[in-house]
C-alpha atoms as a PDB file:
ATOM      1  CA  UNK A   1     -14.479  54.830 -47.685  1.00  0.00           C
ATOM      2  CA  UNK A   2     -11.365  52.107 -47.989  1.00  0.00           C
ATOM      3  CA  UNK A   3     -10.118  53.370 -44.544  1.00  0.00           C
ATOM      4  CA  UNK A   4     -13.278  52.322 -42.758  1.00  0.00           C
ATOM      5  CA  UNK A   5     -13.319  48.856 -44.461  1.00  0.00           C
ATOM      6  CA  UNK A   6      -9.704  48.200 -43.183  1.00  0.00           C
ATOM      7  CA  UNK A   7     -10.777  49.248 -39.824  1.00  0.00           C
ATOM      8  CA  UNK A   8     -13.440  46.764 -39.884  1.00  0.00           C
ATOM      9  CA  UNK A   9     -11.590  44.048 -41.035  1.00  0.00           C
ATOM     10  CA  UNK A  10      -9.004  44.564 -38.488  1.00  0.00           C
ATOM     11  CA  UNK A  11     -11.659  44.510 -35.600  1.00  0.00           C
ATOM     12  CA  UNK A  12     -12.907  40.742 -36.567  1.00  0.00           C
ATOM     13  CA  UNK A  13     -12.316  38.261 -33.525  1.00  0.00           C
ATOM     14  CA  UNK A  14     -13.289  34.988 -35.388  1.00  0.00           C
ATOM     15  CA  UNK A  15      -9.838  33.266 -35.216  1.00  0.00           C
ATOM     16  CA  UNK A  16      -9.107  34.270 -31.404  1.00  0.00           C
ATOM     17  CA  UNK A  17     -10.568  31.467 -29.606  1.00  0.00           C
ATOM     18  CA  UNK A  18      -8.434  28.915 -32.090  1.00  0.00           C
ATOM     19  CA  UNK A  19      -5.188  31.079 -31.043  1.00  0.00           C
ATOM     20  CA  UNK A  20      -5.876  30.785 -27.888  1.00  0.00           C
ATOM     21  CA  UNK A  21      -6.558  27.159 -27.883  1.00  0.00           C
ATOM     22  CA  UNK A  22      -3.371  26.741 -29.858  1.00  0.00           C
ATOM     23  CA  UNK A  23      -1.252  28.333 -26.836  1.00  0.00           C
ATOM     24  CA  UNK A  24      -3.101  26.500 -24.112  1.00  0.00           C
ATOM     25  CA  UNK A  25      -3.017  22.868 -25.994  1.00  0.00           C
ATOM     26  CA  UNK A  26       0.794  21.986 -24.849  1.00  0.00           C
ATOM     27  CA  UNK A  27      -0.127  22.423 -20.964  1.00  0.00           C
ATOM     28  CA  UNK A  28      -3.656  20.750 -21.074  1.00  0.00           C
ATOM     29  CA  UNK A  29      -1.804  17.641 -22.635  1.00  0.00           C
ATOM     30  CA  UNK A  30       0.948  17.643 -20.359  1.00  0.00           C
ATOM     31  CA  UNK A  31      -1.642  17.592 -17.604  1.00  0.00           C
ATOM     32  CA  UNK A  32      -3.680  14.932 -18.957  1.00  0.00           C
ATOM     33  CA  UNK A  33      -1.027  12.665 -19.501  1.00  0.00           C
ATOM     34  CA  UNK A  34       0.450  13.352 -16.347  1.00  0.00           C
ATOM     35  CA  UNK A  35      -2.387  12.228 -14.727  1.00  0.00           C
ATOM     36  CA  UNK A  36      -3.141   9.006 -16.707  1.00  0.00           C
ATOM     37  CA  UNK A  37       0.925   8.082 -15.769  1.00  0.00           C
ATOM     38  CA  UNK A  38       0.896   8.856 -12.483  1.00  0.00           C
ATOM     39  CA  UNK A  39      -2.574   6.570 -12.012  1.00  0.00           C
ATOM     40  CA  UNK A  40      -0.867   4.157 -14.116  1.00  0.00           C
ATOM     41  CA  UNK A  41       2.417   4.278 -11.525  1.00  0.00           C
ATOM     42  CA  UNK A  42       0.102   4.420  -8.456  1.00  0.00           C
ATOM     43  CA  UNK A  43      -1.709   1.418  -9.497  1.00  0.00           C
ATOM     44  CA  UNK A  44       1.597  -0.365 -10.405  1.00  0.00           C
ATOM     45  CA  UNK A  45       2.280   0.573  -6.821  1.00  0.00           C
ATOM     46  CA  UNK A  46      -0.436  -1.093  -4.863  1.00  0.00           C
ATOM     47  CA  UNK A  47      -0.201  -4.495  -7.031  1.00  0.00           C
ATOM     48  CA  UNK A  48       3.232  -4.773  -5.970  1.00  0.00           C
ATOM     49  CA  UNK A  49       2.172  -3.964  -2.172  1.00  0.00           C
ATOM     50  CA  UNK A  50      -0.356  -6.534  -2.555  1.00  0.00           C
ATOM     51  CA  UNK A  51       1.670  -9.310  -4.171  1.00  0.00           C
ATOM     52  CA  UNK A  52       4.556  -8.402  -1.602  1.00  0.00           C
ATOM     53  CA  UNK A  53       2.528  -9.348   1.155  1.00  0.00           C
ATOM     54  CA  UNK A  54       0.802 -12.395  -0.598  1.00  0.00           C
ATOM     55  CA  UNK A  55       4.217 -13.766  -1.317  1.00  0.00           C
ATOM     56  CA  UNK A  56       5.381 -13.050   2.037  1.00  0.00           C
ATOM     57  CA  UNK A  57       2.553 -14.698   4.020  1.00  0.00           C
ATOM     58  CA  UNK A  58       3.534 -17.831   1.199  1.00  0.00           C
ATOM     59  CA  UNK A  59       7.011 -17.704   2.530  1.00  0.00           C
ATOM     60  CA  UNK A  60       6.156 -17.786   6.220  1.00  0.00           C
ATOM     61  CA  UNK A  61       3.889 -20.584   6.026  1.00  0.00           C
ATOM     62  CA  UNK A  62       6.103 -22.445   3.783  1.00  0.00           C
ATOM     63  CA  UNK A  63       3.528 -22.979   0.683  1.00  0.00           C
ATOM     64  CA  UNK A  64       3.849 -23.169  -2.839  1.00  0.00           C
ATOM     65  CA  UNK A  65       0.085 -22.513  -4.622  1.00  0.00           C
ATOM     66  CA  UNK A  66       1.471 -24.245  -7.686  1.00  0.00           C
ATOM     67  CA  UNK A  67       4.575 -23.862 -10.067  1.00  0.00           C
ATOM     68  CA  UNK A  68       7.872 -24.492 -10.357  1.00  0.00           C
ATOM     69  CA  UNK A  69       9.160 -21.507  -7.594  1.00  0.00           C
ATOM     70  CA  UNK A  70       7.656 -18.875  -5.167  1.00  0.00           C
ATOM     71  CA  UNK A  71       9.267 -16.005  -6.993  1.00  0.00           C
ATOM     72  CA  UNK A  72       7.895 -17.013 -10.495  1.00  0.00           C
ATOM     73  CA  UNK A  73       4.330 -17.602  -8.924  1.00  0.00           C
ATOM     74  CA  UNK A  74       4.052 -14.259  -6.820  1.00  0.00           C
ATOM     75  CA  UNK A  75       4.833 -12.591 -10.550  1.00  0.00           C
ATOM     76  CA  UNK A  76       2.335 -14.330 -12.387  1.00  0.00           C
ATOM     77  CA  UNK A  77      -0.595 -13.182  -9.955  1.00  0.00           C
ATOM     78  CA  UNK A  78       0.122  -9.649 -11.026  1.00  0.00           C
ATOM     79  CA  UNK A  79      -2.833  -7.443 -12.296  1.00  0.00           C
ATOM     80  CA  UNK A  80      -0.985  -6.095 -15.768  1.00  0.00           C
ATOM     81  CA  UNK A  81       1.219  -7.833 -18.086  1.00  0.00           C
ATOM     82  CA  UNK A  82       3.711  -5.489 -17.838  1.00  0.00           C
ATOM     83  CA  UNK A  83       4.015  -6.316 -14.271  1.00  0.00           C
ATOM     84  CA  UNK A  84       3.873 -10.471 -15.430  1.00  0.00           C
ATOM     85  CA  UNK A  85       6.299  -9.873 -17.719  1.00  0.00           C
ATOM     86  CA  UNK A  86       9.060  -7.212 -16.136  1.00  0.00           C
ATOM     87  CA  UNK A  87       8.541  -7.302 -12.360  1.00  0.00           C
ATOM     88  CA  UNK A  88      11.324  -8.535 -10.380  1.00  0.00           C
ATOM     89  CA  UNK A  89      10.480 -10.872  -7.182  1.00  0.00           C
ATOM     90  CA  UNK A  90      13.229 -11.112  -4.345  1.00  0.00           C
ATOM     91  CA  UNK A  91      12.967 -13.060  -1.211  1.00  0.00           C
ATOM     92  CA  UNK A  92      15.736 -12.498   1.486  1.00  0.00           C
ATOM     93  CA  UNK A  93      16.329 -13.247   5.124  1.00  0.00           C
ATOM     94  CA  UNK A  94      17.539  -9.981   6.653  1.00  0.00           C
ATOM     95  CA  UNK A  95      18.566 -11.784   9.876  1.00  0.00           C
ATOM     96  CA  UNK A  96      21.033 -14.064   7.502  1.00  0.00           C
ATOM     97  CA  UNK A  97      19.516 -17.317   8.760  1.00  0.00           C
ATOM     98  CA  UNK A  98      15.966 -18.912   7.754  1.00  0.00           C
ATOM     99  CA  UNK A  99      15.261 -20.245  11.367  1.00  0.00           C
ATOM    100  CA  UNK A 100      11.444 -20.250  12.963  1.00  0.00           C
ATOM    101  CA  UNK A 101      10.794 -16.401  14.070  1.00  0.00           C
ATOM    102  CA  UNK A 102      13.352 -15.137  11.778  1.00  0.00           C
ATOM    103  CA  UNK A 103      12.154 -12.305   9.476  1.00  0.00           C
ATOM    104  CA  UNK A 104      11.471 -13.103   5.775  1.00  0.00           C
ATOM    105  CA  UNK A 105      11.198  -9.957   3.203  1.00  0.00           C
ATOM    106  CA  UNK A 106       9.704  -9.789  -0.188  1.00  0.00           C
ATOM    107  CA  UNK A 107      10.470  -7.215  -2.688  1.00  0.00           C
ATOM    108  CA  UNK A 108       8.743  -6.709  -5.819  1.00  0.00           C
ATOM    109  CA  UNK A 109       9.957  -4.000  -8.087  1.00  0.00           C
ATOM    110  CA  UNK A 110       9.393  -2.777 -11.497  1.00  0.00           C
ATOM    111  CA  UNK A 111      11.164  -0.086 -13.460  1.00  0.00           C
ATOM    112  CA  UNK A 112       9.141   1.746 -15.917  1.00  0.00           C
ATOM    113  CA  UNK A 113       9.473   5.048 -17.690  1.00  0.00           C
ATOM    114  CA  UNK A 114       7.022   8.261 -18.306  1.00  0.00           C
ATOM    115  CA  UNK A 115       7.641   8.807 -22.027  1.00  0.00           C
ATOM    116  CA  UNK A 116       4.814  10.918 -22.914  1.00  0.00           C
ATOM    117  CA  UNK A 117       4.890  13.211 -19.954  1.00  0.00           C
ATOM    118  CA  UNK A 118       8.904  13.519 -19.579  1.00  0.00           C
ATOM    119  CA  UNK A 119       8.858  13.668 -23.317  1.00  0.00           C
ATOM    120  CA  UNK A 120       6.618  17.113 -23.643  1.00  0.00           C
ATOM    121  CA  UNK A 121       8.502  18.587 -20.205  1.00  0.00           C
ATOM    122  CA  UNK A 122      11.714  18.288 -21.706  1.00  0.00           C
ATOM    123  CA  UNK A 123      10.579  19.156 -25.072  1.00  0.00           C
ATOM    124  CA  UNK A 124       8.488  22.238 -24.317  1.00  0.00           C
ATOM    125  CA  UNK A 125      10.357  23.143 -20.919  1.00  0.00           C
ATOM    126  CA  UNK A 126      13.681  22.222 -21.210  1.00  0.00           C
ATOM    127  CA  UNK A 127      13.363  20.062 -18.321  1.00  0.00           C
ATOM    128  CA  UNK A 128      15.420  16.877 -17.213  1.00  0.00           C
ATOM    129  CA  UNK A 129      12.477  14.031 -16.374  1.00  0.00           C
ATOM    130  CA  UNK A 130      13.978  10.673 -15.652  1.00  0.00           C
ATOM    131  CA  UNK A 131      13.809   8.527 -18.209  1.00  0.00           C
ATOM    132  CA  UNK A 132      12.874   5.523 -15.900  1.00  0.00           C
ATOM    133  CA  UNK A 133      11.063   5.599 -12.488  1.00  0.00           C
ATOM    134  CA  UNK A 134      11.539   2.543 -10.067  1.00  0.00           C
ATOM    135  CA  UNK A 135       8.169   1.053  -8.386  1.00  0.00           C
ATOM    136  CA  UNK A 136       8.362  -1.044  -5.514  1.00  0.00           C
ATOM    137  CA  UNK A 137       6.604  -2.921  -2.736  1.00  0.00           C
ATOM    138  CA  UNK A 138       7.734  -4.803  -0.041  1.00  0.00           C
ATOM    139  CA  UNK A 139       6.675  -6.710   3.279  1.00  0.00           C
ATOM    140  CA  UNK A 140       8.760  -8.469   6.331  1.00  0.00           C
ATOM    141  CA  UNK A 141       6.915 -10.949   8.143  1.00  0.00           C
ATOM    142  CA  UNK A 142       8.261 -13.601  10.649  1.00  0.00           C
ATOM    143  CA  UNK A 143       8.689 -17.319   9.805  1.00  0.00           C
ATOM    144  CA  UNK A 144       6.354 -19.702  10.730  1.00  0.00           C
ATOM    145  CA  UNK A 145       8.297 -22.598   9.454  1.00  0.00           C
ATOM    146  CA  UNK A 146      11.603 -23.407   7.710  1.00  0.00           C
ATOM    147  CA  UNK A 147      11.437 -22.594   4.163  1.00  0.00           C
ATOM    148  CA  UNK A 148      11.507 -25.943   1.661  1.00  0.00           C
ATOM    149  CA  UNK A 149       9.902 -24.805  -1.275  1.00  0.00           C
ATOM    150  CA  UNK A 150      11.733 -21.651  -1.838  1.00  0.00           C
ATOM    151  CA  UNK A 151      15.398 -20.065  -1.506  1.00  0.00           C
ATOM    152  CA  UNK A 152      16.282 -16.519  -1.170  1.00  0.00           C
ATOM    153  CA  UNK A 153      16.981 -14.737  -4.314  1.00  0.00           C
ATOM    154  CA  UNK A 154      15.344 -13.942  -7.438  1.00  0.00           C
ATOM    155  CA  UNK A 155      14.309 -17.227  -8.556  1.00  0.00           C
ATOM    156  CA  UNK A 156      14.593 -15.983 -12.435  1.00  0.00           C
ATOM    157  CA  UNK A 157      12.981 -13.199 -12.059  1.00  0.00           C
ATOM    158  CA  UNK A 158      15.890 -10.551 -12.472  1.00  0.00           C
ATOM    159  CA  UNK A 159      18.378  -9.149 -10.226  1.00  0.00           C
ATOM    160  CA  UNK A 160      17.331  -8.513  -6.597  1.00  0.00           C
END
């Protein structure tokens, strides 16, 4: 009689779903946070490309829509607070001169990390996800007017 009760007890499957969920949870979390972080990085990239295009257009027509310098204005137009405070805007003249018809290049870069996914992968799987990821957008256009409202460089927004 005790043997029959022990067999019945061992055949029960009441905790099986919880054990299976505990095994799959880390993988689901990595996928979830990976999608969220990838979306965030993709949004930064799109915003930086838009900012670079807008900045290049203002640079080629030598227009400053308000503010102390063009680089600060471009950074101030970012969609997110992270980009407004941490993006680096660099204006350069690839040909070395700033005459009408010469190219002007505007680069917007932001360095961010993937702390959640990187930490989970490095912890559980022994990976080596980099601590920071550089996202950038750039645009090059030809000058229509010589620059008088801005100068090449970073305009105080960080290293070029």
